[in-house]
Protein backbone atom coordinates (compact mmCIF):
# COMPACT_ATOMS: atom_id res chain seq x y z
CA MET A 1 36.61 -76.93 -72.85
CA THR A 2 39.28 -76.59 -69.93
CA THR A 3 41.31 -73.36 -70.32
CA ARG A 4 45.10 -72.40 -69.26
CA THR A 5 47.29 -69.24 -69.40
CA LEU A 6 50.93 -69.11 -70.63
CA ALA A 7 52.68 -66.38 -70.07
CA VAL A 8 55.90 -65.88 -72.10
CA VAL A 9 58.66 -63.53 -71.44
CA SER A 10 61.07 -62.34 -73.83
CA ALA A 11 64.66 -60.21 -73.19
CA GLY A 12 65.39 -59.73 -76.48
CA LEU A 13 66.90 -56.13 -77.03
CA SER A 14 66.56 -55.95 -80.72
CA GLN A 15 63.43 -56.09 -83.19
CA PRO A 16 63.20 -58.50 -84.77
CA SER A 17 64.42 -60.97 -82.35
CA SER A 18 66.08 -64.22 -82.18
CA THR A 19 65.22 -64.25 -78.62
CA ARG A 20 61.89 -63.59 -79.16
CA MET A 21 61.56 -65.72 -82.28
CA LEU A 22 62.67 -68.99 -79.98
CA ALA A 23 60.15 -67.94 -77.17
CA ASP A 24 57.13 -67.68 -79.97
CA LYS A 25 58.24 -71.17 -81.22
CA LEU A 26 58.08 -72.78 -77.98
CA ALA A 27 54.81 -70.97 -77.32
CA ASP A 28 53.21 -72.17 -80.31
CA GLN A 29 54.41 -75.70 -79.74
CA THR A 30 53.38 -75.48 -76.13
CA VAL A 31 49.66 -74.26 -77.23
CA ALA A 32 49.33 -77.08 -79.77
CA LYS A 33 50.21 -79.70 -77.28
CA LEU A 34 47.57 -78.44 -74.83
CA LYS A 35 45.24 -78.47 -77.56
CA ALA A 36 45.71 -81.78 -78.44
CA GLU A 37 44.66 -82.48 -75.03
CA GLY A 38 41.73 -80.75 -75.21
CA ILE A 39 43.25 -77.78 -73.52
CA ASP A 40 42.33 -74.06 -74.67
CA THR A 41 45.64 -71.62 -73.88
CA THR A 42 45.48 -67.72 -73.17
CA VAL A 43 48.83 -67.00 -74.33
CA GLU A 44 50.45 -63.39 -72.99
CA THR A 45 54.08 -62.41 -74.36
CA PHE A 46 55.71 -59.77 -72.99
CA GLU A 47 59.17 -57.99 -74.03
CA LEU A 48 61.19 -56.96 -71.20
CA ARG A 49 62.72 -54.27 -73.43
CA ASP A 50 58.94 -52.80 -72.90
CA VAL A 51 59.34 -52.46 -69.14
CA ALA A 52 63.02 -51.67 -68.95
CA THR A 53 62.71 -48.25 -67.38
CA ASP A 54 59.59 -49.33 -65.04
CA VAL A 55 62.31 -52.08 -63.67
CA MET A 56 65.04 -49.98 -62.85
CA ASN A 57 62.64 -47.64 -60.99
CA HIS A 58 61.46 -50.22 -59.20
CA MET A 59 64.85 -51.53 -58.25
CA LEU A 60 65.63 -47.86 -57.05
CA THR A 61 62.60 -47.06 -55.55
CA GLY A 62 60.88 -50.27 -54.10
CA PHE A 63 57.85 -49.29 -56.29
CA PRO A 64 56.43 -50.71 -59.47
CA SER A 65 54.41 -48.43 -62.25
CA PRO A 66 51.18 -49.65 -62.93
CA LYS A 67 52.47 -50.97 -66.19
CA LEU A 68 55.10 -53.19 -64.81
CA GLU A 69 52.57 -54.57 -61.77
CA ALA A 70 50.25 -55.53 -64.87
CA VAL A 71 53.02 -57.41 -66.27
CA ILE A 72 54.01 -58.94 -62.73
CA GLU A 73 50.71 -59.81 -61.91
CA ALA A 74 49.92 -61.88 -65.60
CA VAL A 75 53.29 -63.63 -65.06
CA THR A 76 52.94 -64.79 -61.58
CA GLY A 77 49.32 -65.54 -62.21
CA ALA A 78 49.57 -67.96 -65.46
CA ASP A 79 49.53 -71.52 -65.06
CA GLY A 80 52.66 -71.57 -66.61
CA LEU A 81 55.99 -69.66 -68.21
CA ILE A 82 58.29 -69.41 -71.02
CA ALA A 83 61.62 -67.34 -70.35
CA VAL A 84 63.63 -67.05 -72.98
CA THR A 85 67.28 -64.52 -72.74
CA PRO A 86 70.32 -63.33 -74.97
CA ILE A 87 73.34 -64.73 -73.20
CA PHE A 88 75.58 -61.65 -72.56
CA THR A 89 79.22 -62.41 -71.26
CA THR A 90 78.29 -66.01 -70.42
CA SER A 91 75.05 -65.37 -68.80
CA TYR A 92 71.68 -64.37 -69.09
CA SER A 93 71.21 -60.52 -69.65
CA GLY A 94 70.95 -57.85 -67.12
CA LEU A 95 67.28 -56.97 -68.02
CA PHE A 96 66.20 -60.61 -67.55
CA LYS A 97 67.63 -60.94 -64.24
CA SER A 98 66.36 -57.79 -62.90
CA PHE A 99 62.86 -58.69 -64.16
CA PHE A 100 62.57 -61.41 -61.93
CA ASP A 101 64.67 -60.04 -58.98
CA VAL A 102 61.72 -57.32 -58.56
CA ILE A 103 59.49 -60.55 -58.51
CA ASP A 104 58.56 -61.52 -55.19
CA SER A 105 60.91 -64.87 -53.95
CA ALA A 106 57.57 -66.93 -53.56
CA ALA A 107 55.55 -65.53 -56.51
CA LEU A 108 56.70 -68.19 -58.62
CA ALA A 109 56.73 -71.53 -56.40
CA GLY A 110 55.49 -74.74 -58.28
CA MET A 111 55.07 -72.24 -61.51
CA PRO A 112 55.87 -74.72 -64.61
CA VAL A 113 58.86 -73.15 -66.18
CA ALA A 114 60.69 -73.89 -69.88
CA ILE A 115 63.75 -71.99 -70.52
CA GLY A 116 65.61 -70.72 -73.45
CA ALA A 117 68.54 -68.51 -74.50
CA THR A 118 70.04 -67.66 -77.74
CA ALA A 119 73.47 -66.08 -78.11
CA GLY A 120 75.95 -66.15 -81.36
CA THR A 121 77.98 -69.64 -80.65
CA PRO A 122 76.96 -72.43 -79.43
CA ARG A 123 79.50 -72.27 -76.95
CA HIS A 124 77.00 -70.93 -74.40
CA SER A 125 74.75 -73.64 -74.22
CA LEU A 126 76.05 -74.65 -70.69
CA ALA A 127 74.47 -71.43 -69.45
CA LEU A 128 71.36 -72.68 -69.30
CA ASP A 129 72.08 -74.83 -66.75
CA TYR A 130 74.50 -73.13 -64.53
CA ALA A 131 72.86 -69.69 -64.94
CA LEU A 132 68.86 -69.78 -65.98
CA ARG A 133 68.01 -73.48 -64.37
CA PRO A 134 69.57 -72.76 -60.93
CA MET A 135 67.68 -69.13 -60.76
CA PHE A 136 64.14 -70.51 -61.25
CA THR A 137 65.41 -73.64 -59.04
CA TYR A 138 65.89 -70.60 -56.38
CA LEU A 139 62.59 -69.23 -56.70
CA HIS A 140 60.94 -72.69 -56.38
CA ALA A 141 59.49 -72.97 -60.05
CA THR A 142 59.28 -76.50 -61.73
CA VAL A 143 61.67 -76.07 -64.25
CA VAL A 144 61.13 -78.61 -67.08
CA PRO A 145 64.31 -80.80 -67.80
CA THR A 146 64.83 -79.62 -71.47
CA GLY A 147 66.37 -76.26 -71.76
CA VAL A 148 66.18 -74.55 -75.56
CA PHE A 149 69.68 -73.00 -76.75
CA ALA A 150 69.64 -71.41 -79.77
CA ALA A 151 72.77 -70.17 -81.47
CA THR A 152 73.00 -68.18 -84.86
CA SER A 153 73.83 -71.57 -86.77
CA ASP A 154 70.60 -73.28 -85.42
CA TRP A 155 68.67 -70.87 -87.80
CA GLY A 156 70.31 -71.25 -90.46
CA ASP A 157 69.80 -74.07 -93.75
CA ALA A 158 72.50 -76.71 -92.15
CA ALA A 159 70.40 -80.00 -92.24
CA ASP A 160 71.58 -80.96 -88.48
CA SER A 161 70.51 -77.65 -86.96
CA VAL A 162 67.81 -77.41 -88.81
CA LYS A 163 66.83 -81.14 -87.02
CA THR A 164 67.91 -80.25 -84.26
CA LEU A 165 66.20 -76.94 -83.12
CA PRO A 166 63.02 -78.00 -83.76
CA ALA A 167 63.80 -81.16 -81.97
CA ARG A 168 64.64 -79.42 -78.88
CA ILE A 169 61.36 -77.08 -79.04
CA ASP A 170 59.21 -80.06 -79.41
CA ARG A 171 60.51 -81.91 -76.31
CA ALA A 172 60.65 -79.06 -74.18
CA ALA A 173 56.98 -77.77 -75.04
CA GLY A 174 55.81 -81.24 -74.04
CA GLU A 175 57.10 -81.35 -71.36
CA LEU A 176 55.88 -77.65 -70.02
CA ALA A 177 52.52 -78.93 -71.68
CA ALA A 178 52.16 -81.69 -69.41
CA LEU A 179 53.06 -79.73 -66.17
CA VAL A 180 50.60 -76.82 -67.08
CA ALA A 181 47.86 -79.30 -68.21
CA ALA A 182 47.63 -80.47 -64.59
CA SER A 183 48.25 -76.68 -62.97
CA ASP A 184 45.30 -74.79 -61.74
CA ARG A 185 47.71 -71.44 -60.66
CA SER A 186 45.14 -69.16 -62.74
CA THR A 187 42.21 -70.61 -61.06
CA THR A 188 43.34 -70.31 -57.62
CA VAL A 189 42.74 -67.16 -55.33
CA ARG A 190 45.69 -66.56 -53.54
CA ASP A 191 45.80 -64.77 -50.38
CA PRO A 192 48.02 -61.45 -50.46
CA PHE A 193 48.61 -61.61 -47.05
CA ALA A 194 49.08 -65.60 -46.37
CA LEU A 195 52.45 -66.29 -44.61
CA ASP A 196 55.08 -68.07 -46.36
CA ARG A 197 56.68 -69.23 -43.00
CA PRO A 198 55.25 -70.16 -39.55
CA PHE A 199 53.97 -67.11 -37.69
CA GLY A 200 56.74 -67.88 -34.90
CA HIS A 201 59.62 -67.51 -37.34
CA LEU A 202 58.93 -64.32 -38.39
CA ILE A 203 59.19 -63.01 -34.56
CA GLY A 204 62.17 -65.06 -33.79
CA GLY A 205 61.69 -68.69 -33.91
CA LEU A 206 59.36 -68.51 -30.92
CA ALA A 207 56.82 -71.45 -32.39
CA GLY A 208 60.45 -73.34 -32.84
CA GLU A 209 61.65 -75.20 -35.83
């Protein structure tokens, strides 16, 4: 059976966390859709609060701890990524942004990514498109069309909310599964010394455009 790896990053701060709950539901649906296609999936889930101090120390010193380095390697080496953050002050959390700031800017190139966010009010749902999506686009990741936002009311008993959130999760998971199925990132050996630009550009453009 074909195997793929899926990394899940949750920036929730509480325990239990609605952010982690959304991340898990996205992961479960993605795994189910891949299984239906005959693909076995290994899922690794990371709570960023567990490496918060390591992330800050990396930003200050430029060197990751062994614990943080293992997380970064697992995330960048996966075939697909689910990234979910709480929304603070109309945008992603500082911890979420800091984690992706310490990852090499080329490490997520071509990575299939499903984005999600949680907040107390639906008014923050646009943060998916004006904050998260541009960040991952800048990192050259392939972000699935459907972002999943969950407000507090989406976890309640209102009929419309119950129908809508699962539908968004199902659609995003289907989009991610299709990209992950076609990915071979986890089986590709990447050269750590490979240049992301022509050598001439690195020494002042001597090789031309």
